[in-house]
Amino acid sequence: WTVRETWLSAHPTANHAVDVTDTFD
């Protein structure tokens, strides 16, 4: 199986942000 896209958490740099205001609670 080939994974099309990988997101890295806690990377030294970031290139994408997700607005989580509405899911913060």
PDBML (XML) file of the C-alpha atoms, coordinates in Angstrom:
<?xml version="1.0" encoding="UTF-8" ?>
<PDBx:datablock datablockName="MODEL"
   xmlns:PDBx="http://pdbml.pdb.org/schema/pdbx-v50.xsd"
   xmlns:xsi="http://www.w3.org/2001/XMLSchema-instance"
   xsi:schemaLocation="http://pdbml.pdb.org/schema/pdbx-v50.xsd pdbx-v50.xsd">
   <PDBx:atom_siteCategory>
      <PDBx:atom_site id="1">
         <PDBx:B_iso_or_equiv>0.00</PDBx:B_iso_or_equiv>
         <PDBx:Cartn_x>0.000</PDBx:Cartn_x>
         <PDBx:Cartn_y>0.000</PDBx:Cartn_y>
         <PDBx:Cartn_z>0.000</PDBx:Cartn_z>
         <PDBx:auth_asym_id>A</PDBx:auth_asym_id>
         <PDBx:auth_atom_id>CA</PDBx:auth_atom_id>
         <PDBx:auth_comp_id>TRP</PDBx:auth_comp_id>
         <PDBx:auth_seq_id>1</PDBx:auth_seq_id>
         <PDBx:group_PDB>ATOM</PDBx:group_PDB>
         <PDBx:label_alt_id xsi:nil="true" />
         <PDBx:label_asym_id>A</PDBx:label_asym_id>
         <PDBx:label_atom_id>CA</PDBx:label_atom_id>
         <PDBx:label_comp_id>TRP</PDBx:label_comp_id>
         <PDBx:label_entity_id>1</PDBx:label_entity_id>
         <PDBx:label_seq_id>1</PDBx:label_seq_id>
         <PDBx:occupancy>1.00</PDBx:occupancy>
         <PDBx:pdbx_PDB_model_num>1</PDBx:pdbx_PDB_model_num>
         <PDBx:type_symbol>C</PDBx:type_symbol>
      </PDBx:atom_site>
      <PDBx:atom_site id="2">
         <PDBx:B_iso_or_equiv>0.00</PDBx:B_iso_or_equiv>
         <PDBx:Cartn_x>1.223</PDBx:Cartn_x>
         <PDBx:Cartn_y>3.491</PDBx:Cartn_y>
         <PDBx:Cartn_z>-0.908</PDBx:Cartn_z>
         <PDBx:auth_asym_id>A</PDBx:auth_asym_id>
         <PDBx:auth_atom_id>CA</PDBx:auth_atom_id>
         <PDBx:auth_comp_id>THR</PDBx:auth_comp_id>
         <PDBx:auth_seq_id>2</PDBx:auth_seq_id>
         <PDBx:group_PDB>ATOM</PDBx:group_PDB>
         <PDBx:label_alt_id xsi:nil="true" />
         <PDBx:label_asym_id>A</PDBx:label_asym_id>
         <PDBx:label_atom_id>CA</PDBx:label_atom_id>
         <PDBx:label_comp_id>THR</PDBx:label_comp_id>
         <PDBx:label_entity_id>1</PDBx:label_entity_id>
         <PDBx:label_seq_id>2</PDBx:label_seq_id>
         <PDBx:occupancy>1.00</PDBx:occupancy>
         <PDBx:pdbx_PDB_model_num>1</PDBx:pdbx_PDB_model_num>
         <PDBx:type_symbol>C</PDBx:type_symbol>
      </PDBx:atom_site>
      <PDBx:atom_site id="3">
         <PDBx:B_iso_or_equiv>0.00</PDBx:B_iso_or_equiv>
         <PDBx:Cartn_x>0.413</PDBx:Cartn_x>
         <PDBx:Cartn_y>6.391</PDBx:Cartn_y>
         <PDBx:Cartn_z>1.418</PDBx:Cartn_z>
         <PDBx:auth_asym_id>A</PDBx:auth_asym_id>
         <PDBx:auth_atom_id>CA</PDBx:auth_atom_id>
         <PDBx:auth_comp_id>VAL</PDBx:auth_comp_id>
         <PDBx:auth_seq_id>3</PDBx:auth_seq_id>
         <PDBx:group_PDB>ATOM</PDBx:group_PDB>
         <PDBx:label_alt_id xsi:nil="true" />
         <PDBx:label_asym_id>A</PDBx:label_asym_id>
         <PDBx:label_atom_id>CA</PDBx:label_atom_id>
         <PDBx:label_comp_id>VAL</PDBx:label_comp_id>
         <PDBx:label_entity_id>1</PDBx:label_entity_id>
         <PDBx:label_seq_id>3</PDBx:label_seq_id>
         <PDBx:occupancy>1.00</PDBx:occupancy>
         <PDBx:pdbx_PDB_model_num>1</PDBx:pdbx_PDB_model_num>
         <PDBx:type_symbol>C</PDBx:type_symbol>
      </PDBx:atom_site>
      <PDBx:atom_site id="4">
         <PDBx:B_iso_or_equiv>0.00</PDBx:B_iso_or_equiv>
         <PDBx:Cartn_x>-0.224</PDBx:Cartn_x>
         <PDBx:Cartn_y>9.474</PDBx:Cartn_y>
         <PDBx:Cartn_z>-0.722</PDBx:Cartn_z>
         <PDBx:auth_asym_id>A</PDBx:auth_asym_id>
         <PDBx:auth_atom_id>CA</PDBx:auth_atom_id>
         <PDBx:auth_comp_id>ARG</PDBx:auth_comp_id>
         <PDBx:auth_seq_id>4</PDBx:auth_seq_id>
         <PDBx:group_PDB>ATOM</PDBx:group_PDB>
         <PDBx:label_alt_id xsi:nil="true" />
         <PDBx:label_asym_id>A</PDBx:label_asym_id>
         <PDBx:label_atom_id>CA</PDBx:label_atom_id>
         <PDBx:label_comp_id>ARG</PDBx:label_comp_id>
         <PDBx:label_entity_id>1</PDBx:label_entity_id>
         <PDBx:label_seq_id>4</PDBx:label_seq_id>
         <PDBx:occupancy>1.00</PDBx:occupancy>
         <PDBx:pdbx_PDB_model_num>1</PDBx:pdbx_PDB_model_num>
         <PDBx:type_symbol>C</PDBx:type_symbol>
      </PDBx:atom_site>
      <PDBx:atom_site id="5">
         <PDBx:B_iso_or_equiv>0.00</PDBx:B_iso_or_equiv>
         <PDBx:Cartn_x>0.461</PDBx:Cartn_x>
         <PDBx:Cartn_y>12.169</PDBx:Cartn_y>
         <PDBx:Cartn_z>1.874</PDBx:Cartn_z>
         <PDBx:auth_asym_id>A</PDBx:auth_asym_id>
         <PDBx:auth_atom_id>CA</PDBx:auth_atom_id>
         <PDBx:auth_comp_id>GLU</PDBx:auth_comp_id>
         <PDBx:auth_seq_id>5</PDBx:auth_seq_id>
         <PDBx:group_PDB>ATOM</PDBx:group_PDB>
         <PDBx:label_alt_id xsi:nil="true" />
         <PDBx:label_asym_id>A</PDBx:label_asym_id>
         <PDBx:label_atom_id>CA</PDBx:label_atom_id>
         <PDBx:label_comp_id>GLU</PDBx:label_comp_id>
         <PDBx:label_entity_id>1</PDBx:label_entity_id>
         <PDBx:label_seq_id>5</PDBx:label_seq_id>
         <PDBx:occupancy>1.00</PDBx:occupancy>
         <PDBx:pdbx_PDB_model_num>1</PDBx:pdbx_PDB_model_num>
         <PDBx:type_symbol>C</PDBx:type_symbol>
      </PDBx:atom_site>
      <PDBx:atom_site id="6">
         <PDBx:B_iso_or_equiv>0.00</PDBx:B_iso_or_equiv>
         <PDBx:Cartn_x>2.250</PDBx:Cartn_x>
         <PDBx:Cartn_y>12.370</PDBx:Cartn_y>
         <PDBx:Cartn_z>5.237</PDBx:Cartn_z>
         <PDBx:auth_asym_id>A</PDBx:auth_asym_id>
         <PDBx:auth_atom_id>CA</PDBx:auth_atom_id>
         <PDBx:auth_comp_id>THR</PDBx:auth_comp_id>
         <PDBx:auth_seq_id>6</PDBx:auth_seq_id>
         <PDBx:group_PDB>ATOM</PDBx:group_PDB>
         <PDBx:label_alt_id xsi:nil="true" />
         <PDBx:label_asym_id>A</PDBx:label_asym_id>
         <PDBx:label_atom_id>CA</PDBx:label_atom_id>
         <PDBx:label_comp_id>THR</PDBx:label_comp_id>
         <PDBx:label_entity_id>1</PDBx:label_entity_id>
         <PDBx:label_seq_id>6</PDBx:label_seq_id>
         <PDBx:occupancy>1.00</PDBx:occupancy>
         <PDBx:pdbx_PDB_model_num>1</PDBx:pdbx_PDB_model_num>
         <PDBx:type_symbol>C</PDBx:type_symbol>
      </PDBx:atom_site>
      <PDBx:atom_site id="7">
         <PDBx:B_iso_or_equiv>0.00</PDBx:B_iso_or_equiv>
         <PDBx:Cartn_x>1.841</PDBx:Cartn_x>
         <PDBx:Cartn_y>15.031</PDBx:Cartn_y>
         <PDBx:Cartn_z>7.917</PDBx:Cartn_z>
         <PDBx:auth_asym_id>A</PDBx:auth_asym_id>
         <PDBx:auth_atom_id>CA</PDBx:auth_atom_id>
         <PDBx:auth_comp_id>TRP</PDBx:auth_comp_id>
         <PDBx:auth_seq_id>7</PDBx:auth_seq_id>
         <PDBx:group_PDB>ATOM</PDBx:group_PDB>
         <PDBx:label_alt_id xsi:nil="true" />
         <PDBx:label_asym_id>A</PDBx:label_asym_id>
         <PDBx:label_atom_id>CA</PDBx:label_atom_id>
         <PDBx:label_comp_id>TRP</PDBx:label_comp_id>
         <PDBx:label_entity_id>1</PDBx:label_entity_id>
         <PDBx:label_seq_id>7</PDBx:label_seq_id>
         <PDBx:occupancy>1.00</PDBx:occupancy>
         <PDBx:pdbx_PDB_model_num>1</PDBx:pdbx_PDB_model_num>
         <PDBx:type_symbol>C</PDBx:type_symbol>
      </PDBx:atom_site>
      <PDBx:atom_site id="8">
         <PDBx:B_iso_or_equiv>0.00</PDBx:B_iso_or_equiv>
         <PDBx:Cartn_x>4.644</PDBx:Cartn_x>
         <PDBx:Cartn_y>15.476</PDBx:Cartn_y>
         <PDBx:Cartn_z>10.459</PDBx:Cartn_z>
         <PDBx:auth_asym_id>A</PDBx:auth_asym_id>
         <PDBx:auth_atom_id>CA</PDBx:auth_atom_id>
         <PDBx:auth_comp_id>LEU</PDBx:auth_comp_id>
         <PDBx:auth_seq_id>8</PDBx:auth_seq_id>
         <PDBx:group_PDB>ATOM</PDBx:group_PDB>
         <PDBx:label_alt_id xsi:nil="true" />
         <PDBx:label_asym_id>A</PDBx:label_asym_id>
         <PDBx:label_atom_id>CA</PDBx:label_atom_id>
         <PDBx:label_comp_id>LEU</PDBx:label_comp_id>
         <PDBx:label_entity_id>1</PDBx:label_entity_id>
         <PDBx:label_seq_id>8</PDBx:label_seq_id>
         <PDBx:occupancy>1.00</PDBx:occupancy>
         <PDBx:pdbx_PDB_model_num>1</PDBx:pdbx_PDB_model_num>
         <PDBx:type_symbol>C</PDBx:type_symbol>
      </PDBx:atom_site>
      <PDBx:atom_site id="9">
         <PDBx:B_iso_or_equiv>0.00</PDBx:B_iso_or_equiv>
         <PDBx:Cartn_x>3.789</PDBx:Cartn_x>
         <PDBx:Cartn_y>16.737</PDBx:Cartn_y>
         <PDBx:Cartn_z>13.936</PDBx:Cartn_z>
         <PDBx:auth_asym_id>A</PDBx:auth_asym_id>
         <PDBx:auth_atom_id>CA</PDBx:auth_atom_id>
         <PDBx:auth_comp_id>SER</PDBx:auth_comp_id>
         <PDBx:auth_seq_id>9</PDBx:auth_seq_id>
         <PDBx:group_PDB>ATOM</PDBx:group_PDB>
         <PDBx:label_alt_id xsi:nil="true" />
         <PDBx:label_asym_id>A</PDBx:label_asym_id>
         <PDBx:label_atom_id>CA</PDBx:label_atom_id>
         <PDBx:label_comp_id>SER</PDBx:label_comp_id>
         <PDBx:label_entity_id>1</PDBx:label_entity_id>
         <PDBx:label_seq_id>9</PDBx:label_seq_id>
         <PDBx:occupancy>1.00</PDBx:occupancy>
         <PDBx:pdbx_PDB_model_num>1</PDBx:pdbx_PDB_model_num>
         <PDBx:type_symbol>C</PDBx:type_symbol>
      </PDBx:atom_site>
      <PDBx:atom_site id="10">
         <PDBx:B_iso_or_equiv>0.00</PDBx:B_iso_or_equiv>
         <PDBx:Cartn_x>6.309</PDBx:Cartn_x>
         <PDBx:Cartn_y>18.654</PDBx:Cartn_y>
         <PDBx:Cartn_z>16.096</PDBx:Cartn_z>
         <PDBx:auth_asym_id>A</PDBx:auth_asym_id>
         <PDBx:auth_atom_id>CA</PDBx:auth_atom_id>
         <PDBx:auth_comp_id>ALA</PDBx:auth_comp_id>
         <PDBx:auth_seq_id>10</PDBx:auth_seq_id>
         <PDBx:group_PDB>ATOM</PDBx:group_PDB>
         <PDBx:label_alt_id xsi:nil="true" />
         <PDBx:label_asym_id>A</PDBx:label_asym_id>
         <PDBx:label_atom_id>CA</PDBx:label_atom_id>
         <PDBx:label_comp_id>ALA</PDBx:label_comp_id>
         <PDBx:label_entity_id>1</PDBx:label_entity_id>
         <PDBx:label_seq_id>10</PDBx:label_seq_id>
         <PDBx:occupancy>1.00</PDBx:occupancy>
         <PDBx:pdbx_PDB_model_num>1</PDBx:pdbx_PDB_model_num>
         <PDBx:type_symbol>C</PDBx:type_symbol>
      </PDBx:atom_site>
      <PDBx:atom_site id="11">
         <PDBx:B_iso_or_equiv>0.00</PDBx:B_iso_or_equiv>
         <PDBx:Cartn_x>8.611</PDBx:Cartn_x>
         <PDBx:Cartn_y>19.262</PDBx:Cartn_y>
         <PDBx:Cartn_z>13.123</PDBx:Cartn_z>
         <PDBx:auth_asym_id>A</PDBx:auth_asym_id>
         <PDBx:auth_atom_id>CA</PDBx:auth_atom_id>
         <PDBx:auth_comp_id>HIS</PDBx:auth_comp_id>
         <PDBx:auth_seq_id>11</PDBx:auth_seq_id>
         <PDBx:group_PDB>ATOM</PDBx:group_PDB>
         <PDBx:label_alt_id xsi:nil="true" />
         <PDBx:label_asym_id>A</PDBx:label_asym_id>
         <PDBx:label_atom_id>CA</PDBx:label_atom_id>
         <PDBx:label_comp_id>HIS</PDBx:label_comp_id>
         <PDBx:label_entity_id>1</PDBx:label_entity_id>
         <PDBx:label_seq_id>11</PDBx:label_seq_id>
         <PDBx:occupancy>1.00</PDBx:occupancy>
         <PDBx:pdbx_PDB_model_num>1</PDBx:pdbx_PDB_model_num>
         <PDBx:type_symbol>C</PDBx:type_symbol>
      </PDBx:atom_site>
      <PDBx:atom_site id="12">
         <PDBx:B_iso_or_equiv>0.00</PDBx:B_iso_or_equiv>
         <PDBx:Cartn_x>11.189</PDBx:Cartn_x>
         <PDBx:Cartn_y>22.067</PDBx:Cartn_y>
         <PDBx:Cartn_z>13.526</PDBx:Cartn_z>
         <PDBx:auth_asym_id>A</PDBx:auth_asym_id>
         <PDBx:auth_atom_id>CA</PDBx:auth_atom_id>
         <PDBx:auth_comp_id>PRO</PDBx:auth_comp_id>
         <PDBx:auth_seq_id>12</PDBx:auth_seq_id>
         <PDBx:group_PDB>ATOM</PDBx:group_PDB>
         <PDBx:label_alt_id xsi:nil="true" />
         <PDBx:label_asym_id>A</PDBx:label_asym_id>
         <PDBx:label_atom_id>CA</PDBx:label_atom_id>
         <PDBx:label_comp_id>PRO</PDBx:label_comp_id>
         <PDBx:label_entity_id>1</PDBx:label_entity_id>
         <PDBx:label_seq_id>12</PDBx:label_seq_id>
         <PDBx:occupancy>1.00</PDBx:occupancy>
         <PDBx:pdbx_PDB_model_num>1</PDBx:pdbx_PDB_model_num>
         <PDBx:type_symbol>C</PDBx:type_symbol>
      </PDBx:atom_site>
      <PDBx:atom_site id="13">
         <PDBx:B_iso_or_equiv>0.00</PDBx:B_iso_or_equiv>
         <PDBx:Cartn_x>9.389</PDBx:Cartn_x>
         <PDBx:Cartn_y>23.974</PDBx:Cartn_y>
         <PDBx:Cartn_z>10.759</PDBx:Cartn_z>
         <PDBx:auth_asym_id>A</PDBx:auth_asym_id>
         <PDBx:auth_atom_id>CA</PDBx:auth_atom_id>
         <PDBx:auth_comp_id>THR</PDBx:auth_comp_id>
         <PDBx:auth_seq_id>13</PDBx:auth_seq_id>
         <PDBx:group_PDB>ATOM</PDBx:group_PDB>
         <PDBx:label_alt_id xsi:nil="true" />
         <PDBx:label_asym_id>A</PDBx:label_asym_id>
         <PDBx:label_atom_id>CA</PDBx:label_atom_id>
         <PDBx:label_comp_id>THR</PDBx:label_comp_id>
         <PDBx:label_entity_id>1</PDBx:label_entity_id>
         <PDBx:label_seq_id>13</PDBx:label_seq_id>
         <PDBx:occupancy>1.00</PDBx:occupancy>
         <PDBx:pdbx_PDB_model_num>1</PDBx:pdbx_PDB_model_num>
         <PDBx:type_symbol>C</PDBx:type_symbol>
      </PDBx:atom_site>
      <PDBx:atom_site id="14">
         <PDBx:B_iso_or_equiv>0.00</PDBx:B_iso_or_equiv>
         <PDBx:Cartn_x>5.768</PDBx:Cartn_x>
         <PDBx:Cartn_y>24.028</PDBx:Cartn_y>
         <PDBx:Cartn_z>9.630</PDBx:Cartn_z>
         <PDBx:auth_asym_id>A</PDBx:auth_asym_id>
         <PDBx:auth_atom_id>CA</PDBx:auth_atom_id>
         <PDBx:auth_comp_id>ALA</PDBx:auth_comp_id>
         <PDBx:auth_seq_id>14</PDBx:auth_seq_id>
         <PDBx:group_PDB>ATOM</PDBx:group_PDB>
         <PDBx:label_alt_id xsi:nil="true" />
         <PDBx:label_asym_id>A</PDBx:label_asym_id>
         <PDBx:label_atom_id>CA</PDBx:label_atom_id>
         <PDBx:label_comp_id>ALA</PDBx:label_comp_id>
         <PDBx:label_entity_id>1</PDBx:label_entity_id>
         <PDBx:label_seq_id>14</PDBx:label_seq_id>
         <PDBx:occupancy>1.00</PDBx:occupancy>
         <PDBx:pdbx_PDB_model_num>1</PDBx:pdbx_PDB_model_num>
         <PDBx:type_symbol>C</PDBx:type_symbol>
      </PDBx:atom_site>
      <PDBx:atom_site id="15">
         <PDBx:B_iso_or_equiv>0.00</PDBx:B_iso_or_equiv>
         <PDBx:Cartn_x>4.271</PDBx:Cartn_x>
         <PDBx:Cartn_y>24.518</PDBx:Cartn_y>
         <PDBx:Cartn_z>6.191</PDBx:Cartn_z>
         <PDBx:auth_asym_id>A</PDBx:auth_asym_id>
         <PDBx:auth_atom_id>CA</PDBx:auth_atom_id>
         <PDBx:auth_comp_id>ASN</PDBx:auth_comp_id>
         <PDBx:auth_seq_id>15</PDBx:auth_seq_id>
         <PDBx:group_PDB>ATOM</PDBx:group_PDB>
         <PDBx:label_alt_id xsi:nil="true" />
         <PDBx:label_asym_id>A</PDBx:label_asym_id>
         <PDBx:label_atom_id>CA</PDBx:label_atom_id>
         <PDBx:label_comp_id>ASN</PDBx:label_comp_id>
         <PDBx:label_entity_id>1</PDBx:label_entity_id>
         <PDBx:label_seq_id>15</PDBx:label_seq_id>
         <PDBx:occupancy>1.00</PDBx:occupancy>
         <PDBx:pdbx_PDB_model_num>1</PDBx:pdbx_PDB_model_num>
         <PDBx:type_symbol>C</PDBx:type_symbol>
      </PDBx:atom_site>
      <PDBx:atom_site id="16">
         <PDBx:B_iso_or_equiv>0.00</PDBx:B_iso_or_equiv>
         <PDBx:Cartn_x>0.598</PDBx:Cartn_x>
         <PDBx:Cartn_y>23.978</PDBx:Cartn_y>
         <PDBx:Cartn_z>6.980</PDBx:Cartn_z>
         <PDBx:auth_asym_id>A</PDBx:auth_asym_id>
         <PDBx:auth_atom_id>CA</PDBx:auth_atom_id>
         <PDBx:auth_comp_id>HIS</PDBx:auth_comp_id>
         <PDBx:auth_seq_id>16</PDBx:auth_seq_id>
         <PDBx:group_PDB>ATOM</PDBx:group_PDB>
         <PDBx:label_alt_id xsi:nil="true" />
         <PDBx:label_asym_id>A</PDBx:label_asym_id>
         <PDBx:label_atom_id>CA</PDBx:label_atom_id>
         <PDBx:label_comp_id>HIS</PDBx:label_comp_id>
         <PDBx:label_entity_id>1</PDBx:label_entity_id>
         <PDBx:label_seq_id>16</PDBx:label_seq_id>
         <PDBx:occupancy>1.00</PDBx:occupancy>
         <PDBx:pdbx_PDB_model_num>1</PDBx:pdbx_PDB_model_num>
         <PDBx:type_symbol>C</PDBx:type_symbol>
      </PDBx:atom_site>
      <PDBx:atom_site id="17">
         <PDBx:B_iso_or_equiv>0.00</PDBx:B_iso_or_equiv>
         <PDBx:Cartn_x>-1.788</PDBx:Cartn_x>
         <PDBx:Cartn_y>25.124</PDBx:Cartn_y>
         <PDBx:Cartn_z>9.724</PDBx:Cartn_z>
         <PDBx:auth_asym_id>A</PDBx:auth_asym_id>
         <PDBx:auth_atom_id>CA</PDBx:auth_atom_id>
         <PDBx:auth_comp_id>ALA</PDBx:auth_comp_id>
         <PDBx:auth_seq_id>17</PDBx:auth_seq_id>
         <PDBx:group_PDB>ATOM</PDBx:group_PDB>
         <PDBx:label_alt_id xsi:nil="true" />
         <PDBx:label_asym_id>A</PDBx:label_asym_id>
         <PDBx:label_atom_id>CA</PDBx:label_atom_id>
         <PDBx:label_comp_id>ALA</PDBx:label_comp_id>
         <PDBx:label_entity_id>1</PDBx:label_entity_id>
         <PDBx:label_seq_id>17</PDBx:label_seq_id>
         <PDBx:occupancy>1.00</PDBx:occupancy>
         <PDBx:pdbx_PDB_model_num>1</PDBx:pdbx_PDB_model_num>
         <PDBx:type_symbol>C</PDBx:type_symbol>
      </PDBx:atom_site>
      <PDBx:atom_site id="18">
         <PDBx:B_iso_or_equiv>0.00</PDBx:B_iso_or_equiv>
         <PDBx:Cartn_x>-5.246</PDBx:Cartn_x>
         <PDBx:Cartn_y>23.840</PDBx:Cartn_y>
         <PDBx:Cartn_z>10.609</PDBx:Cartn_z>
         <PDBx:auth_asym_id>A</PDBx:auth_asym_id>
         <PDBx:auth_atom_id>CA</PDBx:auth_atom_id>
         <PDBx:auth_comp_id>VAL</PDBx:auth_comp_id>
         <PDBx:auth_seq_id>18</PDBx:auth_seq_id>
         <PDBx:group_PDB>ATOM</PDBx:group_PDB>
         <PDBx:label_alt_id xsi:nil="true" />
         <PDBx:label_asym_id>A</PDBx:label_asym_id>
         <PDBx:label_atom_id>CA</PDBx:label_atom_id>
         <PDBx:label_comp_id>VAL</PDBx:label_comp_id>
         <PDBx:label_entity_id>1</PDBx:label_entity_id>
         <PDBx:label_seq_id>18</PDBx:label_seq_id>
         <PDBx:occupancy>1.00</PDBx:occupancy>
         <PDBx:pdbx_PDB_model_num>1</PDBx:pdbx_PDB_model_num>
         <PDBx:type_symbol>C</PDBx:type_symbol>
      </PDBx:atom_site>
      <PDBx:atom_site id="19">
         <PDBx:B_iso_or_equiv>0.00</PDBx:B_iso_or_equiv>
         <PDBx:Cartn_x>-7.713</PDBx:Cartn_x>
         <PDBx:Cartn_y>26.211</PDBx:Cartn_y>
         <PDBx:Cartn_z>12.267</PDBx:Cartn_z>
         <PDBx:auth_asym_id>A</PDBx:auth_asym_id>
         <PDBx:auth_atom_id>CA</PDBx:auth_atom_id>
         <PDBx:auth_comp_id>ASP</PDBx:auth_comp_id>
         <PDBx:auth_seq_id>19</PDBx:auth_seq_id>
         <PDBx:group_PDB>ATOM</PDBx:group_PDB>
         <PDBx:label_alt_id xsi:nil="true" />
         <PDBx:label_asym_id>A</PDBx:label_asym_id>
         <PDBx:label_atom_id>CA</PDBx:label_atom_id>
         <PDBx:label_comp_id>ASP</PDBx:label_comp_id>
         <PDBx:label_entity_id>1</PDBx:label_entity_id>
         <PDBx:label_seq_id>19</PDBx:label_seq_id>
         <PDBx:occupancy>1.00</PDBx:occupancy>
         <PDBx:pdbx_PDB_model_num>1</PDBx:pdbx_PDB_model_num>
         <PDBx:type_symbol>C</PDBx:type_symbol>
      </PDBx:atom_site>
      <PDBx:atom_site id="20">
         <PDBx:B_iso_or_equiv>0.00</PDBx:B_iso_or_equiv>
         <PDBx:Cartn_x>-8.984</PDBx:Cartn_x>
         <PDBx:Cartn_y>24.275</PDBx:Cartn_y>
         <PDBx:Cartn_z>15.285</PDBx:Cartn_z>
         <PDBx:auth_asym_id>A</PDBx:auth_asym_id>
         <PDBx:auth_atom_id>CA</PDBx:auth_atom_id>
         <PDBx:auth_comp_id>VAL</PDBx:auth_comp_id>
         <PDBx:auth_seq_id>20</PDBx:auth_seq_id>
         <PDBx:group_PDB>ATOM</PDBx:group_PDB>
         <PDBx:label_alt_id xsi:nil="true" />
         <PDBx:label_asym_id>A</PDBx:label_asym_id>
         <PDBx:label_atom_id>CA</PDBx:label_atom_id>
         <PDBx:label_comp_id>VAL</PDBx:label_comp_id>
         <PDBx:label_entity_id>1</PDBx:label_entity_id>
         <PDBx:label_seq_id>20</PDBx:label_seq_id>
         <PDBx:occupancy>1.00</PDBx:occupancy>
         <PDBx:pdbx_PDB_model_num>1</PDBx:pdbx_PDB_model_num>
         <PDBx:type_symbol>C</PDBx:type_symbol>
      </PDBx:atom_site>
      <PDBx:atom_site id="21">
         <PDBx:B_iso_or_equiv>0.00</PDBx:B_iso_or_equiv>
         <PDBx:Cartn_x>-10.887</PDBx:Cartn_x>
         <PDBx:Cartn_y>27.079</PDBx:Cartn_y>
         <PDBx:Cartn_z>17.000</PDBx:Cartn_z>
         <PDBx:auth_asym_id>A</PDBx:auth_asym_id>
         <PDBx:auth_atom_id>CA</PDBx:auth_atom_id>
         <PDBx:auth_comp_id>THR</PDBx:auth_comp_id>
         <PDBx:auth_seq_id>21</PDBx:auth_seq_id>
         <PDBx:group_PDB>ATOM</PDBx:group_PDB>
         <PDBx:label_alt_id xsi:nil="true" />
         <PDBx:label_asym_id>A</PDBx:label_asym_id>
         <PDBx:label_atom_id>CA</PDBx:label_atom_id>
         <PDBx:label_comp_id>THR</PDBx:label_comp_id>
         <PDBx:label_entity_id>1</PDBx:label_entity_id>
         <PDBx:label_seq_id>21</PDBx:label_seq_id>
         <PDBx:occupancy>1.00</PDBx:occupancy>
         <PDBx:pdbx_PDB_model_num>1</PDBx:pdbx_PDB_model_num>
         <PDBx:type_symbol>C</PDBx:type_symbol>
      </PDBx:atom_site>
      <PDBx:atom_site id="22">
         <PDBx:B_iso_or_equiv>0.00</PDBx:B_iso_or_equiv>
         <PDBx:Cartn_x>-14.198</PDBx:Cartn_x>
         <PDBx:Cartn_y>25.278</PDBx:Cartn_y>
         <PDBx:Cartn_z>16.548</PDBx:Cartn_z>
         <PDBx:auth_asym_id>A</PDBx:auth_asym_id>
         <PDBx:auth_atom_id>CA</PDBx:auth_atom_id>
         <PDBx:auth_comp_id>ASP</PDBx:auth_comp_id>
         <PDBx:auth_seq_id>22</PDBx:auth_seq_id>
         <PDBx:group_PDB>ATOM</PDBx:group_PDB>
         <PDBx:label_alt_id xsi:nil="true" />
         <PDBx:label_asym_id>A</PDBx:label_asym_id>
         <PDBx:label_atom_id>CA</PDBx:label_atom_id>
         <PDBx:label_comp_id>ASP</PDBx:label_comp_id>
         <PDBx:label_entity_id>1</PDBx:label_entity_id>
         <PDBx:label_seq_id>22</PDBx:label_seq_id>
         <PDBx:occupancy>1.00</PDBx:occupancy>
         <PDBx:pdbx_PDB_model_num>1</PDBx:pdbx_PDB_model_num>
         <PDBx:type_symbol>C</PDBx:type_symbol>
      </PDBx:atom_site>
      <PDBx:atom_site id="23">
         <PDBx:B_iso_or_equiv>0.00</PDBx:B_iso_or_equiv>
         <PDBx:Cartn_x>-12.857</PDBx:Cartn_x>
         <PDBx:Cartn_y>21.931</PDBx:Cartn_y>
         <PDBx:Cartn_z>17.775</PDBx:Cartn_z>
         <PDBx:auth_asym_id>A</PDBx:auth_asym_id>
         <PDBx:auth_atom_id>CA</PDBx:auth_atom_id>
         <PDBx:auth_comp_id>THR</PDBx:auth_comp_id>
         <PDBx:auth_seq_id>23</PDBx:auth_seq_id>
         <PDBx:group_PDB>ATOM</PDBx:group_PDB>
         <PDBx:label_alt_id xsi:nil="true" />
         <PDBx:label_asym_id>A</PDBx:label_asym_id>
         <PDBx:label_atom_id>CA</PDBx:label_atom_id>
         <PDBx:label_comp_id>THR</PDBx:label_comp_id>
         <PDBx:label_entity_id>1</PDBx:label_entity_id>
         <PDBx:label_seq_id>23</PDBx:label_seq_id>
         <PDBx:occupancy>1.00</PDBx:occupancy>
         <PDBx:pdbx_PDB_model_num>1</PDBx:pdbx_PDB_model_num>
         <PDBx:type_symbol>C</PDBx:type_symbol>
      </PDBx:atom_site>
      <PDBx:atom_site id="24">
         <PDBx:B_iso_or_equiv>0.00</PDBx:B_iso_or_equiv>
         <PDBx:Cartn_x>-10.773</PDBx:Cartn_x>
         <PDBx:Cartn_y>23.271</PDBx:Cartn_y>
         <PDBx:Cartn_z>20.664</PDBx:Cartn_z>
         <PDBx:auth_asym_id>A</PDBx:auth_asym_id>
         <PDBx:auth_atom_id>CA</PDBx:auth_atom_id>
         <PDBx:auth_comp_id>PHE</PDBx:auth_comp_id>
         <PDBx:auth_seq_id>24</PDBx:auth_seq_id>
         <PDBx:group_PDB>ATOM</PDBx:group_PDB>
         <PDBx:label_alt_id xsi:nil="true" />
         <PDBx:label_asym_id>A</PDBx:label_asym_id>
         <PDBx:label_atom_id>CA</PDBx:label_atom_id>
         <PDBx:label_comp_id>PHE</PDBx:label_comp_id>
         <PDBx:label_entity_id>1</PDBx:label_entity_id>
         <PDBx:label_seq_id>24</PDBx:label_seq_id>
         <PDBx:occupancy>1.00</PDBx:occupancy>
         <PDBx:pdbx_PDB_model_num>1</PDBx:pdbx_PDB_model_num>
         <PDBx:type_symbol>C</PDBx:type_symbol>
      </PDBx:atom_site>
      <PDBx:atom_site id="25">
         <PDBx:B_iso_or_equiv>0.00</PDBx:B_iso_or_equiv>
         <PDBx:Cartn_x>-13.269</PDBx:Cartn_x>
         <PDBx:Cartn_y>22.195</PDBx:Cartn_y>
         <PDBx:Cartn_z>23.331</PDBx:Cartn_z>
         <PDBx:auth_asym_id>A</PDBx:auth_asym_id>
         <PDBx:auth_atom_id>CA</PDBx:auth_atom_id>
         <PDBx:auth_comp_id>ASP</PDBx:auth_comp_id>
         <PDBx:auth_seq_id>25</PDBx:auth_seq_id>
         <PDBx:group_PDB>ATOM</PDBx:group_PDB>
         <PDBx:label_alt_id xsi:nil="true" />
         <PDBx:label_asym_id>A</PDBx:label_asym_id>
         <PDBx:label_atom_id>CA</PDBx:label_atom_id>
         <PDBx:label_comp_id>ASP</PDBx:label_comp_id>
         <PDBx:label_entity_id>1</PDBx:label_entity_id>
         <PDBx:label_seq_id>25</PDBx:label_seq_id>
         <PDBx:occupancy>1.00</PDBx:occupancy>
         <PDBx:pdbx_PDB_model_num>1</PDBx:pdbx_PDB_model_num>
         <PDBx:type_symbol>C</PDBx:type_symbol>
      </PDBx:atom_site>
   </PDBx:atom_siteCategory>
</PDBx:datablock>
